């Protein structure tokens, strides 16, 4: 269950270092043009980490054998599985746009509206 999150963390680190390098070279406007994508990927990384942590605790709870709590723990595991399988991998699209330094939004002009 943790593999998608590990892959996202590794790619996010690479993208972050690249963007920090761009900022250090003074490319502030172009670097921040797609900042919402970065924030989404970073936020999903944090939420994914929290779901993974809850899944670990749920597995520990299931291991204690208390059948009254079984449904609760199974629900936690399923929710974590959903987020890590469906939501986390989708962030690679955002990171690809950031890696490519796409300027589609930045290139838009007010007079084109």
PDB file of N, CA and C in Angstrom:
ATOM      1  N   UNK A   1       0.823  -1.194   0.000  1.00  0.00           N
ATOM      2  CA  UNK A   1       0.000   0.000   0.000  1.00  0.00           C
ATOM      3  C   UNK A   1       0.871   1.262   0.000  1.00  0.00           C
ATOM      4  N   UNK A   2       2.089   1.157   0.476  1.00  0.00           N
ATOM      5  CA  UNK A   2       2.921   2.347   0.612  1.00  0.00           C
ATOM      6  C   UNK A   2       3.701   2.716  -0.639  1.00  0.00           C
ATOM      7  N   UNK A   3       3.781   1.836  -1.612  1.00  0.00           N
ATOM      8  CA  UNK A   3       4.583   2.091  -2.808  1.00  0.00           C
ATOM      9  C   UNK A   3       4.162   3.357  -3.560  1.00  0.00           C
ATOM     10  N   UNK A   4       2.864   3.594  -3.797  1.00  0.00           N
ATOM     11  CA  UNK A   4       2.496   4.827  -4.506  1.00  0.00           C
ATOM     12  C   UNK A   4       2.953   6.089  -3.768  1.00  0.00           C
ATOM     13  N   UNK A   5       2.902   6.050  -2.449  1.00  0.00           N
ATOM     14  CA  UNK A   5       3.325   7.210  -1.669  1.00  0.00           C
ATOM     15  C   UNK A   5       4.841   7.381  -1.739  1.00  0.00           C
ATOM     16  N   UNK A   6       5.573   6.291  -1.679  1.00  0.00           N
ATOM     17  CA  UNK A   6       7.033   6.370  -1.796  1.00  0.00           C
ATOM     18  C   UNK A   6       7.435   6.955  -3.144  1.00  0.00           C
ATOM     19  N   UNK A   7       6.751   6.536  -4.202  1.00  0.00           N
ATOM     20  CA  UNK A   7       7.050   7.062  -5.532  1.00  0.00           C
ATOM     21  C   UNK A   7       6.734   8.552  -5.621  1.00  0.00           C
ATOM     22  N   UNK A   8       5.621   8.952  -5.028  1.00  0.00           N
ATOM     23  CA  UNK A   8       5.248  10.367  -5.046  1.00  0.00           C
ATOM     24  C   UNK A   8       6.253  11.201  -4.258  1.00  0.00           C
ATOM     25  N   UNK A   9       6.667  10.731  -3.101  1.00  0.00           N
ATOM     26  CA  UNK A   9       7.638  11.465  -2.286  1.00  0.00           C
ATOM     27  C   UNK A   9       8.944  11.645  -3.052  1.00  0.00           C
ATOM     28  N   UNK A  10       9.418  10.592  -3.692  1.00  0.00           N
ATOM     29  CA  UNK A  10      10.670  10.682  -4.445  1.00  0.00           C
ATOM     30  C   UNK A  10      10.562  11.702  -5.579  1.00  0.00           C
ATOM     31  N   UNK A  11       9.471  11.662  -6.304  1.00  0.00           N
ATOM     32  CA  UNK A  11       9.312  12.596  -7.420  1.00  0.00           C
ATOM     33  C   UNK A  11       9.107  14.018  -6.914  1.00  0.00           C
ATOM     34  N   UNK A  12       8.374  14.174  -5.838  1.00  0.00           N
ATOM     35  CA  UNK A  12       8.153  15.498  -5.264  1.00  0.00           C
ATOM     36  C   UNK A  12       9.474  16.109  -4.799  1.00  0.00           C
ATOM     37  N   UNK A  13      10.355  15.301  -4.251  1.00  0.00           N
ATOM     38  CA  UNK A  13      11.671  15.800  -3.841  1.00  0.00           C
ATOM     39  C   UNK A  13      12.445  16.325  -5.046  1.00  0.00           C
ATOM     40  N   UNK A  14      12.425  15.575  -6.126  1.00  0.00           N
ATOM     41  CA  UNK A  14      13.131  15.986  -7.338  1.00  0.00           C
ATOM     42  C   UNK A  14      12.561  17.287  -7.887  1.00  0.00           C
ATOM     43  N   UNK A  15      11.244  17.360  -7.967  1.00  0.00           N
ATOM     44  CA  UNK A  15      10.584  18.569  -8.475  1.00  0.00           C
ATOM     45  C   UNK A  15      10.883  19.757  -7.563  1.00  0.00           C
ATOM     46  N   UNK A  16      10.824  19.540  -6.265  1.00  0.00           N
ATOM     47  CA  UNK A  16      11.088  20.620  -5.312  1.00  0.00           C
ATOM     48  C   UNK A  16      12.489  21.184  -5.496  1.00  0.00           C
ATOM     49  N   UNK A  17      13.470  20.312  -5.613  1.00  0.00           N
ATOM     50  CA  UNK A  17      14.844  20.777  -5.806  1.00  0.00           C
ATOM     51  C   UNK A  17      14.987  21.567  -7.102  1.00  0.00           C
ATOM     52  N   UNK A  18      14.331  21.107  -8.156  1.00  0.00           N
ATOM     53  CA  UNK A  18      14.375  21.826  -9.426  1.00  0.00           C
ATOM     54  C   UNK A  18      13.747  23.206  -9.327  1.00  0.00           C
ATOM     55  N   UNK A  19      12.601  23.275  -8.668  1.00  0.00           N
ATOM     56  CA  UNK A  19      11.918  24.561  -8.518  1.00  0.00           C
ATOM     57  C   UNK A  19      12.706  25.510  -7.617  1.00  0.00           C
ATOM     58  N   UNK A  20      13.316  24.984  -6.576  1.00  0.00           N
ATOM     59  CA  UNK A  20      14.153  25.824  -5.715  1.00  0.00           C
ATOM     60  C   UNK A  20      15.343  26.378  -6.489  1.00  0.00           C
ATOM     61  N   UNK A  21      15.894  25.563  -7.376  1.00  0.00           N
ATOM     62  CA  UNK A  21      16.980  26.038  -8.237  1.00  0.00           C
ATOM     63  C   UNK A  21      16.524  27.167  -9.146  1.00  0.00           C
ATOM     64  N   UNK A  22      15.323  27.023  -9.698  1.00  0.00           N
ATOM     65  CA  UNK A  22      14.769  28.088 -10.542  1.00  0.00           C
ATOM     66  C   UNK A  22      14.582  29.373  -9.743  1.00  0.00           C
ATOM     67  N   UNK A  23      14.067  29.254  -8.534  1.00  0.00           N
ATOM     68  CA  UNK A  23      13.882  30.436  -7.683  1.00  0.00           C
ATOM     69  C   UNK A  23      15.220  31.094  -7.359  1.00  0.00           C
ATOM     70  N   UNK A  24      16.227  30.276  -7.079  1.00  0.00           N
ATOM     71  CA  UNK A  24      17.554  30.806  -6.760  1.00  0.00           C
ATOM     72  C   UNK A  24      18.153  31.570  -7.936  1.00  0.00           C
ATOM     73  N   UNK A  25      17.740  31.205  -9.144  1.00  0.00           N
ATOM     74  CA  UNK A  25      18.236  31.887 -10.344  1.00  0.00           C
ATOM     75  C   UNK A  25      17.366  33.085 -10.720  1.00  0.00           C
ATOM     76  N   UNK A  26      16.406  33.420  -9.866  1.00  0.00           N
ATOM     77  CA  UNK A  26      15.596  34.604 -10.083  1.00  0.00           C
ATOM     78  C   UNK A  26      14.373  34.420 -10.961  1.00  0.00           C
ATOM     79  N   UNK A  27      14.053  33.198 -11.324  1.00  0.00           N
ATOM     80  CA  UNK A  27      12.877  32.949 -12.173  1.00  0.00           C
ATOM     81  C   UNK A  27      11.635  32.784 -11.286  1.00  0.00           C
ATOM     82  N   UNK A  28      11.268  33.830 -10.631  1.00  0.00           N
ATOM     83  CA  UNK A  28      10.202  33.770  -9.633  1.00  0.00           C
ATOM     84  C   UNK A  28       8.826  33.632 -10.275  1.00  0.00           C
ATOM     85  N   UNK A  29       8.501  34.489 -11.216  1.00  0.00           N
ATOM     86  CA  UNK A  29       7.167  34.467 -11.822  1.00  0.00           C
ATOM     87  C   UNK A  29       6.897  33.144 -12.521  1.00  0.00           C
ATOM     88  N   UNK A  30       7.832  32.685 -13.318  1.00  0.00           N
ATOM     89  CA  UNK A  30       7.606  31.427 -14.043  1.00  0.00           C
ATOM     90  C   UNK A  30       7.575  30.230 -13.098  1.00  0.00           C
ATOM     91  N   UNK A  31       8.347  30.293 -12.031  1.00  0.00           N
ATOM     92  CA  UNK A  31       8.371  29.188 -11.071  1.00  0.00           C
ATOM     93  C   UNK A  31       7.066  29.103 -10.288  1.00  0.00           C
ATOM     94  N   UNK A  32       6.507  30.243  -9.943  1.00  0.00           N
ATOM     95  CA  UNK A  32       5.286  30.259  -9.136  1.00  0.00           C
ATOM     96  C   UNK A  32       4.011  30.192  -9.969  1.00  0.00           C
ATOM     97  N   UNK A  33       4.131  30.229 -11.286  1.00  0.00           N
ATOM     98  CA  UNK A  33       2.947  30.250 -12.155  1.00  0.00           C
ATOM     99  C   UNK A  33       2.054  29.026 -11.958  1.00  0.00           C
ATOM    100  N   UNK A  34       2.634  27.895 -11.658  1.00  0.00           N
ATOM    101  CA  UNK A  34       1.860  26.660 -11.479  1.00  0.00           C
ATOM    102  C   UNK A  34       1.908  26.187 -10.024  1.00  0.00           C
ATOM    103  N   UNK A  35       1.987  27.137  -9.111  1.00  0.00           N
ATOM    104  CA  UNK A  35       2.153  26.783  -7.699  1.00  0.00           C
ATOM    105  C   UNK A  35       0.971  25.996  -7.137  1.00  0.00           C
ATOM    106  N   UNK A  36      -0.220  26.189  -7.690  1.00  0.00           N
ATOM    107  CA  UNK A  36      -1.379  25.430  -7.204  1.00  0.00           C
ATOM    108  C   UNK A  36      -1.178  23.931  -7.421  1.00  0.00           C
ATOM    109  N   UNK A  37      -0.515  23.567  -8.511  1.00  0.00           N
ATOM    110  CA  UNK A  37      -0.241  22.150  -8.776  1.00  0.00           C
ATOM    111  C   UNK A  37       0.732  21.591  -7.743  1.00  0.00           C
ATOM    112  N   UNK A  38       1.720  22.387  -7.400  1.00  0.00           N
ATOM    113  CA  UNK A  38       2.682  21.959  -6.384  1.00  0.00           C
ATOM    114  C   UNK A  38       1.985  21.769  -5.039  1.00  0.00           C
ATOM    115  N   UNK A  39       1.135  22.731  -4.697  1.00  0.00           N
ATOM    116  CA  UNK A  39       0.424  22.637  -3.422  1.00  0.00           C
ATOM    117  C   UNK A  39      -0.478  21.410  -3.370  1.00  0.00           C
ATOM    118  N   UNK A  40      -1.120  21.084  -4.480  1.00  0.00           N
ATOM    119  CA  UNK A  40      -1.971  19.892  -4.514  1.00  0.00           C
ATOM    120  C   UNK A  40      -1.133  18.631  -4.293  1.00  0.00           C
ATOM    121  N   UNK A  41      -0.027  18.517  -5.019  1.00  0.00           N
ATOM    122  CA  UNK A  41       0.817  17.329  -4.889  1.00  0.00           C
ATOM    123  C   UNK A  41       1.392  17.218  -3.478  1.00  0.00           C
ATOM    124  N   UNK A  42       1.826  18.337  -2.932  1.00  0.00           N
ATOM    125  CA  UNK A  42       2.381  18.323  -1.583  1.00  0.00           C
ATOM    126  C   UNK A  42       1.308  17.959  -0.562  1.00  0.00           C
ATOM    127  N   UNK A  43       0.133  18.536  -0.716  1.00  0.00           N
ATOM    128  CA  UNK A  43      -0.972  18.225   0.189  1.00  0.00           C
ATOM    129  C   UNK A  43      -1.374  16.764   0.127  1.00  0.00           C
ATOM    130  N   UNK A  44      -1.438  16.212  -1.086  1.00  0.00           N
ATOM    131  CA  UNK A  44      -1.777  14.796  -1.222  1.00  0.00           C
ATOM    132  C   UNK A  44      -0.692  13.910  -0.606  1.00  0.00           C
ATOM    133  N   UNK A  45       0.548  14.359  -0.653  1.00  0.00           N
ATOM    134  CA  UNK A  45       1.627  13.607  -0.019  1.00  0.00           C
ATOM    135  C   UNK A  45       1.414  13.552   1.491  1.00  0.00           C
ATOM    136  N   UNK A  46       1.084  14.677   2.077  1.00  0.00           N
ATOM    137  CA  UNK A  46       0.852  14.732   3.527  1.00  0.00           C
ATOM    138  C   UNK A  46      -0.367  13.889   3.909  1.00  0.00           C
ATOM    139  N   UNK A  47      -1.456  14.051   3.169  1.00  0.00           N
ATOM    140  CA  UNK A  47      -2.666  13.281   3.479  1.00  0.00           C
ATOM    141  C   UNK A  47      -2.418  11.790   3.273  1.00  0.00           C
ATOM    142  N   UNK A  48      -1.692  11.434   2.221  1.00  0.00           N
ATOM    143  CA  UNK A  48      -1.353  10.032   1.979  1.00  0.00           C
ATOM    144  C   UNK A  48      -0.533   9.446   3.114  1.00  0.00           C
ATOM    145  N   UNK A  49       0.409  10.227   3.608  1.00  0.00           N
ATOM    146  CA  UNK A  49       1.217   9.781   4.741  1.00  0.00           C
ATOM    147  C   UNK A  49       0.335   9.538   5.960  1.00  0.00           C
ATOM    148  N   UNK A  50      -0.610  10.440   6.199  1.00  0.00           N
ATOM    149  CA  UNK A  50      -1.519  10.276   7.337  1.00  0.00           C
ATOM    150  C   UNK A  50      -2.400   9.027   7.169  1.00  0.00           C
ATOM    151  N   UNK A  51      -2.881   8.778   5.945  1.00  0.00           N
ATOM    152  CA  UNK A  51      -3.682   7.573   5.704  1.00  0.00           C
ATOM    153  C   UNK A  51      -2.837   6.317   5.894  1.00  0.00           C
ATOM    154  N   UNK A  52      -1.596   6.361   5.465  1.00  0.00           N
ATOM    155  CA  UNK A  52      -0.726   5.207   5.652  1.00  0.00           C
ATOM    156  C   UNK A  52      -0.500   4.944   7.140  1.00  0.00           C
ATOM    157  N   UNK A  53      -0.308   6.003   7.881  1.00  0.00           N
ATOM    158  CA  UNK A  53      -0.146   5.863   9.328  1.00  0.00           C
ATOM    159  C   UNK A  53      -1.397   5.247   9.965  1.00  0.00           C
ATOM    160  N   UNK A  54      -2.569   5.692   9.541  1.00  0.00           N
ATOM    161  CA  UNK A  54      -3.814   5.133  10.072  1.00  0.00           C
ATOM    162  C   UNK A  54      -3.972   3.661   9.674  1.00  0.00           C
ATOM    163  N   UNK A  55      -3.538   3.321   8.472  1.00  0.00           N
ATOM    164  CA  UNK A  55      -3.623   1.927   8.023  1.00  0.00           C
ATOM    165  C   UNK A  55      -2.740   1.029   8.887  1.00  0.00           C
ATOM    166  N   UNK A  56      -1.571   1.521   9.225  1.00  0.00           N
ATOM    167  CA  UNK A  56      -0.673   0.750  10.091  1.00  0.00           C
ATOM    168  C   UNK A  56      -1.328   0.516  11.452  1.00  0.00           C
ATOM    169  N   UNK A  57      -1.924   1.562  12.006  1.00  0.00           N
ATOM    170  CA  UNK A  57      -2.613   1.431  13.297  1.00  0.00           C
ATOM    171  C   UNK A  57      -3.816   0.496  13.186  1.00  0.00           C
ATOM    172  N   UNK A  58      -4.518   0.551  12.067  1.00  0.00           N
ATOM    173  CA  UNK A  58      -5.672  -0.331  11.868  1.00  0.00           C
ATOM    174  C   UNK A  58      -5.233  -1.787  11.808  1.00  0.00           C
ATOM    175  N   UNK A  59      -4.119  -2.050  11.128  1.00  0.00           N
ATOM    176  CA  UNK A  59      -3.604  -3.421  11.078  1.00  0.00           C
ATOM    177  C   UNK A  59      -3.214  -3.896  12.475  1.00  0.00           C
ATOM    178  N   UNK A  60      -2.627  -3.002  13.251  1.00  0.00           N
ATOM    179  CA  UNK A  60      -2.287  -3.351  14.633  1.00  0.00           C
ATOM    180  C   UNK A  60      -3.552  -3.653  15.435  1.00  0.00           C
ATOM    181  N   UNK A  61      -4.583  -2.838  15.240  1.00  0.00           N
ATOM    182  CA  UNK A  61      -5.849  -3.049  15.936  1.00  0.00           C
ATOM    183  C   UNK A  61      -6.498  -4.362  15.558  1.00  0.00           C
ATOM    184  N   UNK A  62      -6.452  -4.688  14.273  1.00  0.00           N
ATOM    185  CA  UNK A  62      -7.014  -5.968  13.825  1.00  0.00           C
ATOM    186  C   UNK A  62      -6.237  -7.140  14.411  1.00  0.00           C
ATOM    187  N   UNK A  63      -4.945  -6.941  14.581  1.00  0.00           N
ATOM    188  CA  UNK A  63      -4.103  -7.994  15.143  1.00  0.00           C
ATOM    189  C   UNK A  63      -4.420  -8.314  16.593  1.00  0.00           C
ATOM    190  N   UNK A  64      -5.086  -7.397  17.276  1.00  0.00           N
ATOM    191  CA  UNK A  64      -5.455  -7.624  18.678  1.00  0.00           C
ATOM    192  C   UNK A  64      -6.661  -8.543  18.810  1.00  0.00           C
ATOM    193  N   UNK A  65      -7.386  -8.744  17.702  1.00  0.00           N
ATOM    194  CA  UNK A  65      -8.477  -9.706  17.687  1.00  0.00           C
ATOM    195  C   UNK A  65      -9.787  -9.261  18.305  1.00  0.00           C
ATOM    196  N   UNK A  66      -9.983  -7.980  18.514  1.00  0.00           N
ATOM    197  CA  UNK A  66     -11.243  -7.488  19.073  1.00  0.00           C
ATOM    198  C   UNK A  66     -12.255  -7.363  17.938  1.00  0.00           C
ATOM    199  N   UNK A  67     -13.186  -8.302  17.870  1.00  0.00           N
ATOM    200  CA  UNK A  67     -14.140  -8.334  16.754  1.00  0.00           C
ATOM    201  C   UNK A  67     -15.090  -7.144  16.759  1.00  0.00           C
ATOM    202  N   UNK A  68     -15.299  -6.505  17.895  1.00  0.00           N
ATOM    203  CA  UNK A  68     -16.200  -5.346  17.956  1.00  0.00           C
ATOM    204  C   UNK A  68     -15.643  -4.164  17.165  1.00  0.00           C
ATOM    205  N   UNK A  69     -14.333  -4.072  17.072  1.00  0.00           N
ATOM    206  CA  UNK A  69     -13.691  -2.970  16.354  1.00  0.00           C
ATOM    207  C   UNK A  69     -13.294  -3.334  14.927  1.00  0.00           C
ATOM    208  N   UNK A  70     -13.545  -4.548  14.525  1.00  0.00           N
ATOM    209  CA  UNK A  70     -13.090  -5.037  13.225  1.00  0.00           C
ATOM    210  C   UNK A  70     -13.605  -4.190  12.061  1.00  0.00           C
ATOM    211  N   UNK A  71     -14.880  -3.861  12.063  1.00  0.00           N
ATOM    212  CA  UNK A  71     -15.451  -3.063  10.980  1.00  0.00           C
ATOM    213  C   UNK A  71     -14.822  -1.685  10.884  1.00  0.00           C
ATOM    214  N   UNK A  72     -14.569  -1.074  12.026  1.00  0.00           N
ATOM    215  CA  UNK A  72     -13.925   0.238  12.066  1.00  0.00           C
ATOM    216  C   UNK A  72     -12.544   0.168  11.422  1.00  0.00           C
ATOM    217  N   UNK A  73     -11.768  -0.830  11.815  1.00  0.00           N
ATOM    218  CA  UNK A  73     -10.417  -0.969  11.278  1.00  0.00           C
ATOM    219  C   UNK A  73     -10.432  -1.326   9.791  1.00  0.00           C
ATOM    220  N   UNK A  74     -11.351  -2.181   9.391  1.00  0.00           N
ATOM    221  CA  UNK A  74     -11.458  -2.524   7.969  1.00  0.00           C
ATOM    222  C   UNK A  74     -11.806  -1.282   7.144  1.00  0.00           C
ATOM    223  N   UNK A  75     -12.674  -0.428   7.693  1.00  0.00           N
ATOM    224  CA  UNK A  75     -13.024   0.818   7.015  1.00  0.00           C
ATOM    225  C   UNK A  75     -11.829   1.736   6.860  1.00  0.00           C
ATOM    226  N   UNK A  76     -11.005   1.824   7.886  1.00  0.00           N
ATOM    227  CA  UNK A  76      -9.783   2.637   7.812  1.00  0.00           C
ATOM    228  C   UNK A  76      -8.844   2.102   6.736  1.00  0.00           C
ATOM    229  N   UNK A  77      -8.698   0.783   6.699  1.00  0.00           N
ATOM    230  CA  UNK A  77      -7.820   0.179   5.693  1.00  0.00           C
ATOM    231  C   UNK A  77      -8.333   0.429   4.280  1.00  0.00           C
ATOM    232  N   UNK A  78      -9.631   0.328   4.099  1.00  0.00           N
ATOM    233  CA  UNK A  78     -10.204   0.535   2.765  1.00  0.00           C
ATOM    234  C   UNK A  78     -10.078   1.994   2.329  1.00  0.00           C
ATOM    235  N   UNK A  79     -10.301   2.919   3.261  1.00  0.00           N
ATOM    236  CA  UNK A  79     -10.156   4.342   2.937  1.00  0.00           C
ATOM    237  C   UNK A  79      -8.709   4.665   2.576  1.00  0.00           C
ATOM    238  N   UNK A  80      -7.769   4.105   3.308  1.00  0.00           N
ATOM    239  CA  UNK A  80      -6.352   4.313   3.000  1.00  0.00           C
ATOM    240  C   UNK A  80      -6.012   3.718   1.642  1.00  0.00           C
ATOM    241  N   UNK A  81      -6.530   2.529   1.392  1.00  0.00           N
ATOM    242  CA  UNK A  81      -6.289   1.880   0.099  1.00  0.00           C
ATOM    243  C   UNK A  81      -6.821   2.743  -1.042  1.00  0.00           C
ATOM    244  N   UNK A  82      -8.029   3.288  -0.866  1.00  0.00           N
ATOM    245  CA  UNK A  82      -8.601   4.153  -1.896  1.00  0.00           C
ATOM    246  C   UNK A  82      -7.690   5.353  -2.155  1.00  0.00           C
ATOM    247  N   UNK A  83      -7.337   6.073  -1.106  1.00  0.00           N
ATOM    248  CA  UNK A  83      -6.577   7.302  -1.296  1.00  0.00           C
ATOM    249  C   UNK A  83      -5.220   7.021  -1.924  1.00  0.00           C
ATOM    250  N   UNK A  84      -4.550   5.979  -1.448  1.00  0.00           N
ATOM    251  CA  UNK A  84      -3.213   5.677  -1.950  1.00  0.00           C
ATOM    252  C   UNK A  84      -3.234   5.065  -3.347  1.00  0.00           C
ATOM    253  N   UNK A  85      -4.343   4.446  -3.733  1.00  0.00           N
ATOM    254  CA  UNK A  85      -4.443   3.821  -5.055  1.00  0.00           C
ATOM    255  C   UNK A  85      -5.052   4.745  -6.095  1.00  0.00           C
ATOM    256  N   UNK A  86      -6.001   5.582  -5.689  1.00  0.00           N
ATOM    257  CA  UNK A  86      -6.725   6.424  -6.645  1.00  0.00           C
ATOM    258  C   UNK A  86      -6.238   7.864  -6.673  1.00  0.00           C
ATOM    259  N   UNK A  87      -5.974   8.437  -5.530  1.00  0.00           N
ATOM    260  CA  UNK A  87      -5.652   9.863  -5.458  1.00  0.00           C
ATOM    261  C   UNK A  87      -4.161  10.159  -5.602  1.00  0.00           C
ATOM    262  N   UNK A  88      -3.336   9.439  -4.890  1.00  0.00           N
ATOM    263  CA  UNK A  88      -1.899   9.707  -4.895  1.00  0.00           C
ATOM    264  C   UNK A  88      -1.282   9.572  -6.291  1.00  0.00           C
ATOM    265  N   UNK A  89      -1.541   8.501  -7.040  1.00  0.00           N
ATOM    266  CA  UNK A  89      -0.928   8.395  -8.364  1.00  0.00           C
ATOM    267  C   UNK A  89      -1.322   9.525  -9.323  1.00  0.00           C
ATOM    268  N   UNK A  90      -2.495  10.112  -9.124  1.00  0.00           N
ATOM    269  CA  UNK A  90      -2.929  11.207  -9.986  1.00  0.00           C
ATOM    270  C   UNK A  90      -2.047  12.439  -9.879  1.00  0.00           C
ATOM    271  N   UNK A  91      -1.294  12.559  -8.812  1.00  0.00           N
ATOM    272  CA  UNK A  91      -0.424  13.724  -8.625  1.00  0.00           C
ATOM    273  C   UNK A  91       0.758  13.731  -9.588  1.00  0.00           C
ATOM    274  N   UNK A  92       1.049  12.604 -10.201  1.00  0.00           N
ATOM    275  CA  UNK A  92       2.174  12.571 -11.140  1.00  0.00           C
ATOM    276  C   UNK A  92       1.902  13.439 -12.366  1.00  0.00           C
ATOM    277  N   UNK A  93       0.646  13.631 -12.707  1.00  0.00           N
ATOM    278  CA  UNK A  93       0.312  14.542 -13.814  1.00  0.00           C
ATOM    279  C   UNK A  93       0.726  15.970 -13.458  1.00  0.00           C
ATOM    280  N   UNK A  94       0.365  16.406 -12.256  1.00  0.00           N
ATOM    281  CA  UNK A  94       0.735  17.742 -11.817  1.00  0.00           C
ATOM    282  C   UNK A  94       2.250  17.904 -11.768  1.00  0.00           C
ATOM    283  N   UNK A  95       2.931  16.892 -11.265  1.00  0.00           N
ATOM    284  CA  UNK A  95       4.384  16.974 -11.168  1.00  0.00           C
ATOM    285  C   UNK A  95       5.041  16.993 -12.544  1.00  0.00           C
ATOM    286  N   UNK A  96       4.453  16.315 -13.509  1.00  0.00           N
ATOM    287  CA  UNK A  96       4.994  16.349 -14.873  1.00  0.00           C
ATOM    288  C   UNK A  96       4.901  17.758 -15.453  1.00  0.00           C
ATOM    289  N   UNK A  97       3.803  18.431 -15.208  1.00  0.00           N
ATOM    290  CA  UNK A  97       3.655  19.814 -15.683  1.00  0.00           C
ATOM    291  C   UNK A  97       4.709  20.702 -15.029  1.00  0.00           C
ATOM    292  N   UNK A  98       4.936  20.500 -13.744  1.00  0.00           N
ATOM    293  CA  UNK A  98       5.955  21.278 -13.042  1.00  0.00           C
ATOM    294  C   UNK A  98       7.357  20.947 -13.544  1.00  0.00           C
ATOM    295  N   UNK A  99       7.632  19.684 -13.778  1.00  0.00           N
ATOM    296  CA  UNK A  99       8.948  19.279 -14.287  1.00  0.00           C
ATOM    297  C   UNK A  99       9.235  19.892 -15.650  1.00  0.00           C
ATOM    298  N   UNK A 100       8.205  19.972 -16.473  1.00  0.00           N
ATOM    299  CA  UNK A 100       8.365  20.515 -17.826  1.00  0.00           C
ATOM    300  C   UNK A 100       8.352  22.034 -17.863  1.00  0.00           C
ATOM    301  N   UNK A 101       8.134  22.651 -16.704  1.00  0.00           N
ATOM    302  CA  UNK A 101       8.074  24.116 -16.611  1.00  0.00           C
ATOM    303  C   UNK A 101       7.069  24.679 -17.616  1.00  0.00           C
ATOM    304  N   UNK A 102       5.919  24.038 -17.686  1.00  0.00           N
ATOM    305  CA  UNK A 102       4.882  24.441 -18.638  1.00  0.00           C
ATOM    306  C   UNK A 102       4.435  25.877 -18.361  1.00  0.00           C
ATOM    307  N   UNK A 103       4.322  26.674 -19.425  1.00  0.00           N
ATOM    308  CA  UNK A 103       3.943  28.082 -19.263  1.00  0.00           C
ATOM    309  C   UNK A 103       2.569  28.401 -19.849  1.00  0.00           C
ATOM    310  N   UNK A 104       1.731  27.404 -20.027  1.00  0.00           N
ATOM    311  CA  UNK A 104       0.411  27.619 -20.624  1.00  0.00           C
ATOM    312  C   UNK A 104      -0.375  28.695 -19.881  1.00  0.00           C
ATOM    313  N   UNK A 105      -0.441  28.603 -18.584  1.00  0.00           N
ATOM    314  CA  UNK A 105      -1.203  29.595 -17.801  1.00  0.00           C
ATOM    315  C   UNK A 105      -0.491  30.943 -17.769  1.00  0.00           C
ATOM    316  N   UNK A 106       0.809  30.920 -17.615  1.00  0.00           N
ATOM    317  CA  UNK A 106       1.581  32.158 -17.550  1.00  0.00           C
ATOM    318  C   UNK A 106       1.517  32.941 -18.858  1.00  0.00           C
ATOM    319  N   UNK A 107       1.438  32.246 -19.976  1.00  0.00           N
ATOM    320  CA  UNK A 107       1.442  32.899 -21.288  1.00  0.00           C
ATOM    321  C   UNK A 107       0.106  33.551 -21.639  1.00  0.00           C
ATOM    322  N   UNK A 108      -0.941  33.270 -20.879  1.00  0.00           N
ATOM    323  CA  UNK A 108      -2.254  33.865 -21.158  1.00  0.00           C
ATOM    324  C   UNK A 108      -2.209  35.369 -20.922  1.00  0.00           C
ATOM    325  N   UNK A 109      -2.874  36.110 -21.790  1.00  0.00           N
ATOM    326  CA  UNK A 109      -2.902  37.575 -21.667  1.00  0.00           C
ATOM    327  C   UNK A 109      -4.307  38.044 -21.326  1.00  0.00           C
ATOM    328  N   UNK A 110      -4.375  39.124 -20.587  1.00  0.00           N
ATOM    329  CA  UNK A 110      -5.667  39.691 -20.200  1.00  0.00           C
ATOM    330  C   UNK A 110      -6.503  40.083 -21.412  1.00  0.00           C
ATOM    331  N   UNK A 111      -5.871  40.621 -22.441  1.00  0.00           N
ATOM    332  CA  UNK A 111      -6.634  41.102 -23.599  1.00  0.00           C
ATOM    333  C   UNK A 111      -7.168  39.969 -24.478  1.00  0.00           C
ATOM    334  N   UNK A 112      -6.866  38.722 -24.136  1.00  0.00           N
ATOM    335  CA  UNK A 112      -7.411  37.587 -24.886  1.00  0.00           C
ATOM    336  C   UNK A 112      -8.767  37.151 -24.338  1.00  0.00           C
ATOM    337  N   UNK A 113      -9.205  37.741 -23.252  1.00  0.00           N
ATOM    338  CA  UNK A 113     -10.503  37.377 -22.676  1.00  0.00           C
ATOM    339  C   UNK A 113     -11.610  38.092 -23.398  1.00  0.00           C
TER     340      UNK A 113
END
